[in-house]
Every structure is written in C-alpha cells, then in structure tokens.
PDB file of N, CA and C in Angstrom:
ATOM      1  N   MET A   1      30.888 -15.869  -8.430  1.00  0.00           N
ATOM      2  CA  MET A   1      29.744 -15.018  -8.683  1.00  0.00           C
ATOM      3  C   MET A   1      29.882 -14.259 -10.002  1.00  0.00           C
ATOM      4  N   ILE A   2      31.066 -14.243 -10.580  1.00  0.00           N
ATOM      5  CA  ILE A   2      31.239 -13.563 -11.859  1.00  0.00           C
ATOM      6  C   ILE A   2      30.432 -14.268 -12.943  1.00  0.00           C
ATOM      7  N   VAL A   3      30.400 -15.595 -12.901  1.00  0.00           N
ATOM      8  CA  VAL A   3      29.623 -16.355 -13.889  1.00  0.00           C
ATOM      9  C   VAL A   3      28.144 -16.015 -13.759  1.00  0.00           C
ATOM     10  N   VAL A   4      27.656 -15.942 -12.534  1.00  0.00           N
ATOM     11  CA  VAL A   4      26.252 -15.614 -12.302  1.00  0.00           C
ATOM     12  C   VAL A   4      25.949 -14.218 -12.848  1.00  0.00           C
ATOM     13  N   LYS A   5      26.795 -13.249 -12.518  1.00  0.00           N
ATOM     14  CA  LYS A   5      26.601 -11.878 -12.997  1.00  0.00           C
ATOM     15  C   LYS A   5      26.616 -11.835 -14.526  1.00  0.00           C
ATOM     16  N   SER A   6      27.569 -12.512 -15.130  1.00  0.00           N
ATOM     17  CA  SER A   6      27.685 -12.504 -16.591  1.00  0.00           C
ATOM     18  C   SER A   6      26.464 -13.114 -17.255  1.00  0.00           C
ATOM     19  N   ARG A   7      25.981 -14.205 -16.705  1.00  0.00           N
ATOM     20  CA  ARG A   7      24.815 -14.856 -17.310  1.00  0.00           C
ATOM     21  C   ARG A   7      23.551 -14.008 -17.129  1.00  0.00           C
ATOM     22  N   LEU A   8      23.435 -13.360 -15.993  1.00  0.00           N
ATOM     23  CA  LEU A   8      22.286 -12.476 -15.793  1.00  0.00           C
ATOM     24  C   LEU A   8      22.340 -11.298 -16.760  1.00  0.00           C
ATOM     25  N   GLN A   9      23.517 -10.749 -16.975  1.00  0.00           N
ATOM     26  CA  GLN A   9      23.662  -9.615 -17.882  1.00  0.00           C
ATOM     27  C   GLN A   9      23.457 -10.020 -19.338  1.00  0.00           C
ATOM     28  N   ALA A  10      23.801 -11.267 -19.676  1.00  0.00           N
ATOM     29  CA  ALA A  10      23.684 -11.727 -21.060  1.00  0.00           C
ATOM     30  C   ALA A  10      22.243 -12.036 -21.449  1.00  0.00           C
ATOM     31  N   THR A  11      21.375 -12.143 -20.486  1.00  0.00           N
ATOM     32  CA  THR A  11      19.968 -12.424 -20.765  1.00  0.00           C
ATOM     33  C   THR A  11      19.292 -11.161 -21.291  1.00  0.00           C
ATOM     34  N   ASN A  12      18.579 -11.306 -22.408  1.00  0.00           N
ATOM     35  CA  ASN A  12      17.858 -10.159 -22.978  1.00  0.00           C
ATOM     36  C   ASN A  12      16.527 -10.620 -23.556  1.00  0.00           C
ATOM     37  N   GLU A  13      15.866  -9.762 -24.291  1.00  0.00           N
ATOM     38  CA  GLU A  13      14.543 -10.100 -24.823  1.00  0.00           C
ATOM     39  C   GLU A  13      14.590 -11.211 -25.871  1.00  0.00           C
ATOM     40  N   HIS A  14      15.746 -11.496 -26.428  1.00  0.00           N
ATOM     41  CA  HIS A  14      15.869 -12.550 -27.429  1.00  0.00           C
ATOM     42  C   HIS A  14      16.158 -13.916 -26.810  1.00  0.00           C
ATOM     43  N   THR A  15      16.422 -13.951 -25.513  1.00  0.00           N
ATOM     44  CA  THR A  15      16.702 -15.206 -24.821  1.00  0.00           C
ATOM     45  C   THR A  15      15.393 -15.983 -24.648  1.00  0.00           C
ATOM     46  N   ARG A  16      15.444 -17.276 -24.982  1.00  0.00           N
ATOM     47  CA  ARG A  16      14.235 -18.107 -24.813  1.00  0.00           C
ATOM     48  C   ARG A  16      13.842 -18.139 -23.341  1.00  0.00           C
ATOM     49  N   ASP A  17      12.549 -18.237 -23.085  1.00  0.00           N
ATOM     50  CA  ASP A  17      12.025 -18.195 -21.714  1.00  0.00           C
ATOM     51  C   ASP A  17      12.643 -19.272 -20.828  1.00  0.00           C
ATOM     52  N   GLU A  18      12.864 -20.464 -21.361  1.00  0.00           N
ATOM     53  CA  GLU A  18      13.411 -21.551 -20.526  1.00  0.00           C
ATOM     54  C   GLU A  18      14.882 -21.317 -20.165  1.00  0.00           C
ATOM     55  N   ASN A  19      15.552 -20.409 -20.880  1.00  0.00           N
ATOM     56  CA  ASN A  19      16.951 -20.095 -20.579  1.00  0.00           C
ATOM     57  C   ASN A  19      17.105 -18.835 -19.733  1.00  0.00           C
ATOM     58  N   ARG A  20      16.020 -18.142 -19.438  1.00  0.00           N
ATOM     59  CA  ARG A  20      16.098 -16.925 -18.636  1.00  0.00           C
ATOM     60  C   ARG A  20      16.168 -17.280 -17.152  1.00  0.00           C
ATOM     61  N   TYR A  21      16.887 -16.446 -16.433  1.00  0.00           N
ATOM     62  CA  TYR A  21      16.986 -16.618 -14.988  1.00  0.00           C
ATOM     63  C   TYR A  21      16.024 -15.663 -14.308  1.00  0.00           C
ATOM     64  N   GLY A  22      15.454 -16.111 -13.191  1.00  0.00           N
ATOM     65  CA  GLY A  22      14.510 -15.287 -12.451  1.00  0.00           C
ATOM     66  C   GLY A  22      15.179 -14.321 -11.496  1.00  0.00           C
ATOM     67  N   GLY A  23      16.480 -14.361 -11.421  1.00  0.00           N
ATOM     68  CA  GLY A  23      17.234 -13.486 -10.517  1.00  0.00           C
ATOM     69  C   GLY A  23      18.510 -14.202 -10.092  1.00  0.00           C
ATOM     70  N   THR A  24      19.209 -13.609  -9.152  1.00  0.00           N
ATOM     71  CA  THR A  24      20.488 -14.156  -8.712  1.00  0.00           C
ATOM     72  C   THR A  24      20.327 -15.538  -8.089  1.00  0.00           C
ATOM     73  N   ALA A  25      19.366 -15.675  -7.188  1.00  0.00           N
ATOM     74  CA  ALA A  25      19.164 -16.961  -6.515  1.00  0.00           C
ATOM     75  C   ALA A  25      18.802 -18.052  -7.520  1.00  0.00           C
ATOM     76  N   ASP A  26      17.949 -17.724  -8.478  1.00  0.00           N
ATOM     77  CA  ASP A  26      17.567 -18.690  -9.505  1.00  0.00           C
ATOM     78  C   ASP A  26      18.780 -19.083 -10.343  1.00  0.00           C
ATOM     79  N   ALA A  27      19.609 -18.105 -10.703  1.00  0.00           N
ATOM     80  CA  ALA A  27      20.804 -18.404 -11.502  1.00  0.00           C
ATOM     81  C   ALA A  27      21.746 -19.319 -10.743  1.00  0.00           C
ATOM     82  N   VAL A  28      21.987 -19.020  -9.477  1.00  0.00           N
ATOM     83  CA  VAL A  28      22.877 -19.858  -8.659  1.00  0.00           C
ATOM     84  C   VAL A  28      22.322 -21.276  -8.564  1.00  0.00           C
ATOM     85  N   ALA A  29      21.039 -21.404  -8.277  1.00  0.00           N
ATOM     86  CA  ALA A  29      20.425 -22.722  -8.129  1.00  0.00           C
ATOM     87  C   ALA A  29      20.477 -23.514  -9.430  1.00  0.00           C
ATOM     88  N   ARG A  30      20.180 -22.858 -10.547  1.00  0.00           N
ATOM     89  CA  ARG A  30      20.174 -23.579 -11.830  1.00  0.00           C
ATOM     90  C   ARG A  30      21.579 -23.957 -12.282  1.00  0.00           C
ATOM     91  N   ILE A  31      22.549 -23.080 -12.077  1.00  0.00           N
ATOM     92  CA  ILE A  31      23.925 -23.425 -12.447  1.00  0.00           C
ATOM     93  C   ILE A  31      24.384 -24.614 -11.615  1.00  0.00           C
ATOM     94  N   TRP A  32      24.092 -24.584 -10.321  1.00  0.00           N
ATOM     95  CA  TRP A  32      24.490 -25.684  -9.439  1.00  0.00           C
ATOM     96  C   TRP A  32      23.808 -26.989  -9.871  1.00  0.00           C
ATOM     97  N   ALA A  33      22.518 -26.926 -10.165  1.00  0.00           N
ATOM     98  CA  ALA A  33      21.765 -28.128 -10.521  1.00  0.00           C
ATOM     99  C   ALA A  33      22.178 -28.679 -11.890  1.00  0.00           C
ATOM    100  N   GLU A  34      22.411 -27.802 -12.850  1.00  0.00           N
ATOM    101  CA  GLU A  34      22.684 -28.240 -14.221  1.00  0.00           C
ATOM    102  C   GLU A  34      24.159 -28.523 -14.485  1.00  0.00           C
ATOM    103  N   GLU A  35      25.061 -27.805 -13.802  1.00  0.00           N
ATOM    104  CA  GLU A  35      26.482 -27.916 -14.121  1.00  0.00           C
ATOM    105  C   GLU A  35      27.350 -28.324 -12.936  1.00  0.00           C
ATOM    106  N   GLY A  36      26.791 -28.259 -11.740  1.00  0.00           N
ATOM    107  CA  GLY A  36      27.572 -28.576 -10.554  1.00  0.00           C
ATOM    108  C   GLY A  36      28.495 -27.418 -10.193  1.00  0.00           C
ATOM    109  N   ALA A  37      29.408 -27.687  -9.258  1.00  0.00           N
ATOM    110  CA  ALA A  37      30.315 -26.645  -8.773  1.00  0.00           C
ATOM    111  C   ALA A  37      31.202 -26.098  -9.893  1.00  0.00           C
ATOM    112  N   GLY A  38      31.564 -26.943 -10.847  1.00  0.00           N
ATOM    113  CA  GLY A  38      32.406 -26.495 -11.959  1.00  0.00           C
ATOM    114  C   GLY A  38      31.770 -25.414 -12.804  1.00  0.00           C
ATOM    115  N   GLY A  39      30.462 -25.334 -12.792  1.00  0.00           N
ATOM    116  CA  GLY A  39      29.764 -24.309 -13.563  1.00  0.00           C
ATOM    117  C   GLY A  39      30.098 -22.896 -13.110  1.00  0.00           C
ATOM    118  N   PHE A  40      30.459 -22.757 -11.836  1.00  0.00           N
ATOM    119  CA  PHE A  40      30.806 -21.436 -11.312  1.00  0.00           C
ATOM    120  C   PHE A  40      32.216 -21.008 -11.721  1.00  0.00           C
ATOM    121  N   PHE A  41      32.966 -21.943 -12.280  1.00  0.00           N
ATOM    122  CA  PHE A  41      34.338 -21.642 -12.713  1.00  0.00           C
ATOM    123  C   PHE A  41      34.472 -21.684 -14.232  1.00  0.00           C
ATOM    124  N   ALA A  42      33.355 -21.643 -14.922  1.00  0.00           N
ATOM    125  CA  ALA A  42      33.374 -21.653 -16.387  1.00  0.00           C
ATOM    126  C   ALA A  42      34.149 -20.443 -16.894  1.00  0.00           C
ATOM    127  N   GLY A  43      35.036 -20.658 -17.821  1.00  0.00           N
ATOM    128  CA  GLY A  43      35.808 -19.566 -18.402  1.00  0.00           C
ATOM    129  C   GLY A  43      37.012 -19.155 -17.583  1.00  0.00           C
ATOM    130  N   LEU A  44      37.296 -19.862 -16.498  1.00  0.00           N
ATOM    131  CA  LEU A  44      38.406 -19.479 -15.636  1.00  0.00           C
ATOM    132  C   LEU A  44      39.756 -19.632 -16.343  1.00  0.00           C
ATOM    133  N   ARG A  45      39.911 -20.697 -17.114  1.00  0.00           N
ATOM    134  CA  ARG A  45      41.181 -20.887 -17.845  1.00  0.00           C
ATOM    135  C   ARG A  45      41.451 -19.736 -18.802  1.00  0.00           C
ATOM    136  N   ALA A  46      40.436 -19.316 -19.512  1.00  0.00           N
ATOM    137  CA  ALA A  46      40.600 -18.200 -20.447  1.00  0.00           C
ATOM    138  C   ALA A  46      40.936 -16.910 -19.703  1.00  0.00           C
ATOM    139  N   LYS A  47      40.305 -16.702 -18.553  1.00  0.00           N
ATOM    140  CA  LYS A  47      40.570 -15.489 -17.772  1.00  0.00           C
ATOM    141  C   LYS A  47      41.993 -15.501 -17.220  1.00  0.00           C
ATOM    142  N   ILE A  48      42.470 -16.653 -16.770  1.00  0.00           N
ATOM    143  CA  ILE A  48      43.845 -16.754 -16.272  1.00  0.00           C
ATOM    144  C   ILE A  48      44.830 -16.485 -17.401  1.00  0.00           C
ATOM    145  N   LEU A  49      44.589 -17.041 -18.578  1.00  0.00           N
ATOM    146  CA  LEU A  49      45.448 -16.797 -19.734  1.00  0.00           C
ATOM    147  C   LEU A  49      45.437 -15.311 -20.099  1.00  0.00           C
ATOM    148  N   GLN A  50      44.273 -14.699 -20.100  1.00  0.00           N
ATOM    149  CA  GLN A  50      44.168 -13.273 -20.406  1.00  0.00           C
ATOM    150  C   GLN A  50      44.970 -12.451 -19.402  1.00  0.00           C
ATOM    151  N   THR A  51      44.849 -12.776 -18.135  1.00  0.00           N
ATOM    152  CA  THR A  51      45.555 -12.035 -17.094  1.00  0.00           C
ATOM    153  C   THR A  51      47.060 -12.185 -17.235  1.00  0.00           C
ATOM    154  N   ALA A  52      47.528 -13.408 -17.506  1.00  0.00           N
ATOM    155  CA  ALA A  52      48.969 -13.647 -17.663  1.00  0.00           C
ATOM    156  C   ALA A  52      49.518 -12.899 -18.874  1.00  0.00           C
ATOM    157  N   LEU A  53      48.811 -12.941 -19.990  1.00  0.00           N
ATOM    158  CA  LEU A  53      49.262 -12.225 -21.189  1.00  0.00           C
ATOM    159  C   LEU A  53      49.265 -10.720 -20.956  1.00  0.00           C
ATOM    160  N   ASN A  54      48.252 -10.222 -20.286  1.00  0.00           N
ATOM    161  CA  ASN A  54      48.178  -8.791 -19.985  1.00  0.00           C
ATOM    162  C   ASN A  54      49.339  -8.371 -19.086  1.00  0.00           C
ATOM    163  N   ALA A  55      49.636  -9.177 -18.077  1.00  0.00           N
ATOM    164  CA  ALA A  55      50.742  -8.846 -17.164  1.00  0.00           C
ATOM    165  C   ALA A  55      52.068  -8.829 -17.921  1.00  0.00           C
ATOM    166  N   GLY A  56      52.285  -9.796 -18.799  1.00  0.00           N
ATOM    167  CA  GLY A  56      53.512  -9.833 -19.595  1.00  0.00           C
ATOM    168  C   GLY A  56      53.637  -8.632 -20.513  1.00  0.00           C
ATOM    169  N   LEU A  57      52.537  -8.270 -21.157  1.00  0.00           N
ATOM    170  CA  LEU A  57      52.544  -7.117 -22.050  1.00  0.00           C
ATOM    171  C   LEU A  57      52.808  -5.825 -21.280  1.00  0.00           C
ATOM    172  N   MET A  58      52.176  -5.680 -20.142  1.00  0.00           N
ATOM    173  CA  MET A  58      52.374  -4.469 -19.333  1.00  0.00           C
ATOM    174  C   MET A  58      53.818  -4.382 -18.832  1.00  0.00           C
ATOM    175  N   LEU A  59      54.419  -5.501 -18.452  1.00  0.00           N
ATOM    176  CA  LEU A  59      55.806  -5.497 -17.993  1.00  0.00           C
ATOM    177  C   LEU A  59      56.744  -5.099 -19.130  1.00  0.00           C
ATOM    178  N   ALA A  60      56.516  -5.667 -20.318  1.00  0.00           N
ATOM    179  CA  ALA A  60      57.351  -5.317 -21.470  1.00  0.00           C
ATOM    180  C   ALA A  60      57.197  -3.834 -21.818  1.00  0.00           C
ATOM    181  N   LEU A  61      55.986  -3.333 -21.788  1.00  0.00           N
ATOM    182  CA  LEU A  61      55.734  -1.926 -22.091  1.00  0.00           C
ATOM    183  C   LEU A  61      56.398  -1.025 -21.053  1.00  0.00           C
ATOM    184  N   LYS A  62      56.290  -1.391 -19.787  1.00  0.00           N
ATOM    185  CA  LYS A  62      56.907  -0.608 -18.715  1.00  0.00           C
ATOM    186  C   LYS A  62      58.416  -0.556 -18.893  1.00  0.00           C
ATOM    187  N   ASP A  63      59.031  -1.691 -19.221  1.00  0.00           N
ATOM    188  CA  ASP A  63      60.477  -1.714 -19.437  1.00  0.00           C
ATOM    189  C   ASP A  63      60.882  -0.831 -20.612  1.00  0.00           C
ATOM    190  N   SER A  64      60.109  -0.889 -21.693  1.00  0.00           N
ATOM    191  CA  SER A  64      60.422  -0.058 -22.862  1.00  0.00           C
ATOM    192  C   SER A  64      60.305   1.425 -22.535  1.00  0.00           C
ATOM    193  N   VAL A  65      59.270   1.802 -21.833  1.00  0.00           N
ATOM    194  CA  VAL A  65      59.070   3.210 -21.468  1.00  0.00           C
ATOM    195  C   VAL A  65      60.171   3.659 -20.512  1.00  0.00           C
ATOM    196  N   THR A  66      60.544   2.797 -19.573  1.00  0.00           N
ATOM    197  CA  THR A  66      61.605   3.144 -18.625  1.00  0.00           C
ATOM    198  C   THR A  66      62.930   3.378 -19.345  1.00  0.00           C
ATOM    199  N   ARG A  67      63.289   2.477 -20.254  1.00  0.00           N
ATOM    200  CA  ARG A  67      64.547   2.644 -21.005  1.00  0.00           C
ATOM    201  C   ARG A  67      64.522   3.910 -21.853  1.00  0.00           C
ATOM    202  N   ALA A  68      63.420   4.171 -22.530  1.00  0.00           N
ATOM    203  CA  ALA A  68      63.311   5.377 -23.360  1.00  0.00           C
ATOM    204  C   ALA A  68      63.395   6.640 -22.499  1.00  0.00           C
ATOM    205  N   SER A  69      62.773   6.615 -21.340  1.00  0.00           N
ATOM    206  CA  SER A  69      62.822   7.771 -20.437  1.00  0.00           C
ATOM    207  C   SER A  69      64.237   8.011 -19.931  1.00  0.00           C
ATOM    208  N   GLU A  70      64.921   6.941 -19.572  1.00  0.00           N
ATOM    209  CA  GLU A  70      66.302   7.087 -19.088  1.00  0.00           C
ATOM    210  C   GLU A  70      67.201   7.667 -20.175  1.00  0.00           C
ATOM    211  N   ARG A  71      67.045   7.199 -21.419  1.00  0.00           N
ATOM    212  CA  ARG A  71      67.840   7.737 -22.530  1.00  0.00           C
ATOM    213  C   ARG A  71      67.545   9.217 -22.740  1.00  0.00           C
ATOM    214  N   ALA A  72      66.285   9.593 -22.701  1.00  0.00           N
ATOM    215  CA  ALA A  72      65.903  10.997 -22.902  1.00  0.00           C
ATOM    216  C   ALA A  72      66.444  11.875 -21.779  1.00  0.00           C
ATOM    217  N   LEU A  73      66.393  11.383 -20.556  1.00  0.00           N
ATOM    218  CA  LEU A  73      66.915  12.167 -19.428  1.00  0.00           C
ATOM    219  C   LEU A  73      68.429  12.331 -19.517  1.00  0.00           C
ATOM    220  N   ARG A  74      69.134  11.268 -19.928  1.00  0.00           N
ATOM    221  CA  ARG A  74      70.592  11.378 -20.088  1.00  0.00           C
ATOM    222  C   ARG A  74      70.939  12.370 -21.191  1.00  0.00           C
ATOM    223  N   ALA A  75      70.201  12.339 -22.295  1.00  0.00           N
ATOM    224  CA  ALA A  75      70.460  13.263 -23.404  1.00  0.00           C
ATOM    225  C   ALA A  75      70.182  14.706 -22.970  1.00  0.00           C
ATOM    226  N   ALA A  76      69.114  14.907 -22.212  1.00  0.00           N
ATOM    227  CA  ALA A  76      68.784  16.252 -21.745  1.00  0.00           C
ATOM    228  C   ALA A  76      69.846  16.759 -20.772  1.00  0.00           C
ATOM    229  N   ALA A  77      70.336  15.879 -19.908  1.00  0.00           N
ATOM    230  CA  ALA A  77      71.372  16.279 -18.951  1.00  0.00           C
ATOM    231  C   ALA A  77      72.664  16.633 -19.683  1.00  0.00           C
ATOM    232  N   ALA A  78      73.007  15.866 -20.705  1.00  0.00           N
ATOM    233  CA  ALA A  78      74.223  16.154 -21.475  1.00  0.00           C
ATOM    234  C   ALA A  78      74.084  17.488 -22.204  1.00  0.00           C
ATOM    235  N   ALA A  79      72.910  17.752 -22.759  1.00  0.00           N
ATOM    236  CA  ALA A  79      72.684  19.021 -23.460  1.00  0.00           C
ATOM    237  C   ALA A  79      72.769  20.198 -22.492  1.00  0.00           C
ATOM    238  N   ARG A  80      72.257  20.042 -21.277  1.00  0.00           N
ATOM    239  CA  ARG A  80      72.360  21.107 -20.275  1.00  0.00           C
ATOM    240  C   ARG A  80      73.816  21.364 -19.922  1.00  0.00           C
ATOM    241  N   GLY A  81      74.602  20.290 -19.833  1.00  0.00           N
ATOM    242  CA  GLY A  81      76.025  20.438 -19.521  1.00  0.00           C
ATOM    243  C   GLY A  81      76.758  21.200 -20.604  1.00  0.00           C
ATOM    244  N   VAL A  82      76.458  20.919 -21.866  1.00  0.00           N
ATOM    245  CA  VAL A  82      77.097  21.619 -22.992  1.00  0.00           C
ATOM    246  C   VAL A  82      76.695  23.093 -22.978  1.00  0.00           C
ATOM    247  N   ARG A  83      75.418  23.375 -22.769  1.00  0.00           N
ATOM    248  CA  ARG A  83      74.954  24.763 -22.733  1.00  0.00           C
ATOM    249  C   ARG A  83      75.578  25.518 -21.576  1.00  0.00           C
ATOM    250  N   ALA A  84      75.675  24.867 -20.433  1.00  0.00           N
ATOM    251  CA  ALA A  84      76.269  25.529 -19.267  1.00  0.00           C
ATOM    252  C   ALA A  84      77.740  25.825 -19.512  1.00  0.00           C
ATOM    253  N   GLY A  85      78.444  24.893 -20.140  1.00  0.00           N
ATOM    254  CA  GLY A  85      79.857  25.110 -20.450  1.00  0.00           C
ATOM    255  C   GLY A  85      80.049  26.230 -21.449  1.00  0.00           C
ATOM    256  N   ALA A  86      79.181  26.296 -22.449  1.00  0.00           N
ATOM    257  CA  ALA A  86      79.265  27.358 -23.454  1.00  0.00           C
ATOM    258  C   ALA A  86      78.981  28.714 -22.827  1.00  0.00           C
ATOM    259  N   LEU A  87      77.998  28.746 -21.953  1.00  0.00           N
ATOM    260  CA  LEU A  87      77.660  29.994 -21.280  1.00  0.00           C
ATOM    261  C   LEU A  87      78.814  30.449 -20.380  1.00  0.00           C
ATOM    262  N   ALA A  88      79.402  29.523 -19.653  1.00  0.00           N
ATOM    263  CA  ALA A  88      80.529  29.884 -18.772  1.00  0.00           C
ATOM    264  C   ALA A  88      81.697  30.408 -19.598  1.00  0.00           C
ATOM    265  N   GLY A  89      81.969  29.776 -20.758  1.00  0.00           N
ATOM    266  CA  GLY A  89      83.059  30.231 -21.621  1.00  0.00           C
ATOM    267  C   GLY A  89      82.801  31.628 -22.173  1.00  0.00           C
ATOM    268  N   ALA A  90      81.553  31.884 -22.549  1.00  0.00           N
ATOM    269  CA  ALA A  90      81.194  33.208 -23.085  1.00  0.00           C
ATOM    270  C   ALA A  90      81.317  34.270 -22.015  1.00  0.00           C
ATOM    271  N   VAL A  91      80.863  33.982 -20.814  1.00  0.00           N
ATOM    272  CA  VAL A  91      80.959  34.961 -19.723  1.00  0.00           C
ATOM    273  C   VAL A  91      82.422  35.234 -19.387  1.00  0.00           C
ATOM    274  N   HIS A  92      83.236  34.197 -19.397  1.00  0.00           N
ATOM    275  CA  HIS A  92      84.663  34.361 -19.103  1.00  0.00           C
ATOM    276  C   HIS A  92      85.344  35.208 -20.172  1.00  0.00           C
ATOM    277  N   ALA A  93      84.964  34.981 -21.458  1.00  0.00           N
ATOM    278  CA  ALA A  93      85.571  35.753 -22.549  1.00  0.00           C
ATOM    279  C   ALA A  93      85.163  37.213 -22.474  1.00  0.00           C
ATOM    280  N   VAL A  94      83.926  37.496 -22.127  1.00  0.00           N
ATOM    281  CA  VAL A  94      83.441  38.860 -22.040  1.00  0.00           C
ATOM    282  C   VAL A  94      84.064  39.558 -20.837  1.00  0.00           C
ATOM    283  N   ALA A  95      84.258  38.821 -19.769  1.00  0.00           N
ATOM    284  CA  ALA A  95      84.795  39.411 -18.536  1.00  0.00           C
ATOM    285  C   ALA A  95      86.267  39.785 -18.673  1.00  0.00           C
ATOM    286  N   ARG A  96      86.960  39.271 -19.610  1.00  0.00           N
ATOM    287  CA  ARG A  96      88.389  39.572 -19.793  1.00  0.00           C
ATOM    288  C   ARG A  96      88.602  40.924 -20.266  1.00  0.00           C
TER     289      ARG A  96
END
C-alpha cells in the first residue's frame, strides 16, 4: 500500500488527466491491471538498500558515541580520584 499512497500523493495539478487516479481503489485497480502484482513492490530494492545502509550507519555511530562516552567517564572518574586524594592530603596536613 506504500506504492499506492506514494502515487496518490505524487499526483498534482500538473499531472495529465489520464495519469491521475480517482482514489485508492482506482489506484489499486490500475496498478494491478497495468503492472501486475510486482507493481505493488516497485522501489522495494532501493528501500531495502536504504534501510541496510541506515542500520549500518546508526550502528557505527552508536559504537563511536559509546566509546567516546566511556573514555570521558573514565577521565572524569580519574580526575575525581586525584581531587579527592589532594583534598584528603590537605585536610591531613592541616589537622596535624
């Protein structure tokens, strides 16, 4: 039904009258009559390729963000440890 929706949405005032659809039922009937069942799967290969590339890109981005976050958290934890040690040393020196 995505093909039907797309073709209905693509129709505008510049579309020739013989290429306009009268509605959803007309679009389904004409696609079936003119293109057969394969007409409902037009563009499927491109959509599958788009989805696969998008998934790969999102996975790579997620991994990069995860690694950067882990590095930042480790650096922040190390800095807290140094500050805590310095503070403990200062308190100990003052308490003497």
